[in-house]
Amino acid sequence: MAEPKGKHIFGTVKVGEKGQIVIPKEARNIFNIKPGDSLLVLGDEEQGIAIVKSELFMQFAQDIFNAKECKEDEE
């Protein structure tokens, strides 16, 4: 059974003694994660953990802020 387009299962990772994990190479390649990149770790106690490149999250937040300003200007 093929994975849905854009959806991936990268396998499992083990948490080391210091709480660190290794992001699988295929995931690093697909998401262009390089040494030195900043990643934001988000959590939902019911659904789990998500890891997002900080720059993408900040751009998303800026887009929301800009959209809100545009809406307020129209009113």
C-alpha atoms as a PDB file:
ATOM      1  CA  MET A   1       0.000   0.000   0.000  1.00  0.00           C
ATOM      2  CA  ALA A   2       1.475   3.345  -1.074  1.00  0.00           C
ATOM      3  CA  GLU A   3       1.629   6.298   1.270  1.00  0.00           C
ATOM      4  CA  PRO A   4      -0.616   9.254   0.391  1.00  0.00           C
ATOM      5  CA  LYS A   5       1.218  11.940  -1.602  1.00  0.00           C
ATOM      6  CA  GLY A   6       3.210  14.224   0.691  1.00  0.00           C
ATOM      7  CA  LYS A   7       2.767  11.929   3.708  1.00  0.00           C
ATOM      8  CA  HIS A   8       5.697   9.935   5.063  1.00  0.00           C
ATOM      9  CA  ILE A   9       6.569   7.305   7.612  1.00  0.00           C
ATOM     10  CA  PHE A  10      10.268   7.596   8.397  1.00  0.00           C
ATOM     11  CA  GLY A  11      10.435   4.743  10.883  1.00  0.00           C
ATOM     12  CA  THR A  12      11.249   4.819  14.554  1.00  0.00           C
ATOM     13  CA  VAL A  13      14.003   6.620  16.438  1.00  0.00           C
ATOM     14  CA  LYS A  14      15.383   5.976  19.896  1.00  0.00           C
ATOM     15  CA  VAL A  15      15.717   8.635  22.546  1.00  0.00           C
ATOM     16  CA  GLY A  16      19.278   8.783  23.892  1.00  0.00           C
ATOM     17  CA  GLU A  17      20.328   9.259  27.504  1.00  0.00           C
ATOM     18  CA  LYS A  18      20.337  13.050  27.049  1.00  0.00           C
ATOM     19  CA  GLY A  19      16.841  13.064  25.528  1.00  0.00           C
ATOM     20  CA  GLN A  20      18.165  13.490  21.988  1.00  0.00           C
ATOM     21  CA  ILE A  21      16.853  11.891  18.825  1.00  0.00           C
ATOM     22  CA  VAL A  22      18.330  11.620  15.344  1.00  0.00           C
ATOM     23  CA  ILE A  23      16.085  12.875  12.558  1.00  0.00           C
ATOM     24  CA  PRO A  24      16.228  10.257   9.796  1.00  0.00           C
ATOM     25  CA  LYS A  25      18.292  11.219   6.732  1.00  0.00           C
ATOM     26  CA  GLU A  26      15.330  10.924   4.359  1.00  0.00           C
ATOM     27  CA  ALA A  27      13.320  13.344   6.536  1.00  0.00           C
ATOM     28  CA  ARG A  28      16.253  15.784   6.681  1.00  0.00           C
ATOM     29  CA  ASN A  29      16.544  15.650   2.893  1.00  0.00           C
ATOM     30  CA  ILE A  30      12.826  16.095   2.200  1.00  0.00           C
ATOM     31  CA  PHE A  31      12.476  18.995   4.651  1.00  0.00           C
ATOM     32  CA  ASN A  32      15.889  20.495   3.859  1.00  0.00           C
ATOM     33  CA  ILE A  33      17.056  20.336   7.483  1.00  0.00           C
ATOM     34  CA  LYS A  34      20.738  21.229   7.743  1.00  0.00           C
ATOM     35  CA  PRO A  35      23.180  21.375  10.673  1.00  0.00           C
ATOM     36  CA  GLY A  36      22.642  24.625  12.567  1.00  0.00           C
ATOM     37  CA  ASP A  37      18.967  25.007  11.584  1.00  0.00           C
ATOM     38  CA  SER A  38      16.605  26.033  14.374  1.00  0.00           C
ATOM     39  CA  LEU A  39      13.637  23.762  14.924  1.00  0.00           C
ATOM     40  CA  LEU A  40      10.574  24.561  16.987  1.00  0.00           C
ATOM     41  CA  VAL A  41       9.169  21.691  19.045  1.00  0.00           C
ATOM     42  CA  LEU A  42       5.410  21.944  19.605  1.00  0.00           C
ATOM     43  CA  GLY A  43       3.394  19.648  21.839  1.00  0.00           C
ATOM     44  CA  ASP A  44      -0.159  18.618  22.461  1.00  0.00           C
ATOM     45  CA  GLU A  45      -0.554  16.302  25.453  1.00  0.00           C
ATOM     46  CA  GLU A  46      -3.266  14.328  23.655  1.00  0.00           C
ATOM     47  CA  GLN A  47      -1.869  14.243  20.113  1.00  0.00           C
ATOM     48  CA  GLY A  48       1.910  14.302  20.538  1.00  0.00           C
ATOM     49  CA  ILE A  49       4.913  16.294  19.396  1.00  0.00           C
ATOM     50  CA  ALA A  50       5.508  18.176  16.143  1.00  0.00           C
ATOM     51  CA  ILE A  51       8.823  19.561  14.907  1.00  0.00           C
ATOM     52  CA  VAL A  52       8.769  22.559  12.567  1.00  0.00           C
ATOM     53  CA  LYS A  53      11.563  24.649  11.084  1.00  0.00           C
ATOM     54  CA  SER A  54      11.492  27.888  13.066  1.00  0.00           C
ATOM     55  CA  GLU A  55      11.679  30.070   9.958  1.00  0.00           C
ATOM     56  CA  LEU A  56       8.568  28.425   8.475  1.00  0.00           C
ATOM     57  CA  PHE A  57       6.615  28.854  11.698  1.00  0.00           C
ATOM     58  CA  MET A  58       7.685  32.506  11.995  1.00  0.00           C
ATOM     59  CA  GLN A  59       6.614  33.155   8.381  1.00  0.00           C
ATOM     60  CA  PHE A  60       3.252  31.505   9.107  1.00  0.00           C
ATOM     61  CA  ALA A  61       2.796  33.702  12.196  1.00  0.00           C
ATOM     62  CA  GLN A  62       3.771  36.823  10.200  1.00  0.00           C
ATOM     63  CA  ASP A  63       1.250  35.928   7.475  1.00  0.00           C
ATOM     64  CA  ILE A  64      -1.510  35.652  10.094  1.00  0.00           C
ATOM     65  CA  PHE A  65      -0.505  38.993  11.625  1.00  0.00           C
ATOM     66  CA  ASN A  66      -0.467  40.676   8.198  1.00  0.00           C
ATOM     67  CA  ALA A  67      -3.864  39.216   7.282  1.00  0.00           C
ATOM     68  CA  LYS A  68      -5.320  40.511  10.548  1.00  0.00           C
ATOM     69  CA  GLU A  69      -3.916  44.000   9.892  1.00  0.00           C
ATOM     70  CA  CYS A  70      -5.379  44.022   6.363  1.00  0.00           C
ATOM     71  CA  LYS A  71      -8.797  42.986   7.705  1.00  0.00           C
ATOM     72  CA  GLU A  72      -8.703  45.721  10.365  1.00  0.00           C
ATOM     73  CA  ASP A  73      -7.735  48.318   7.735  1.00  0.00           C
ATOM     74  CA  GLU A  74     -10.759  47.321   5.633  1.00  0.00           C
ATOM     75  CA  GLU A  75     -13.182  47.872   8.507  1.00  0.00           C
END
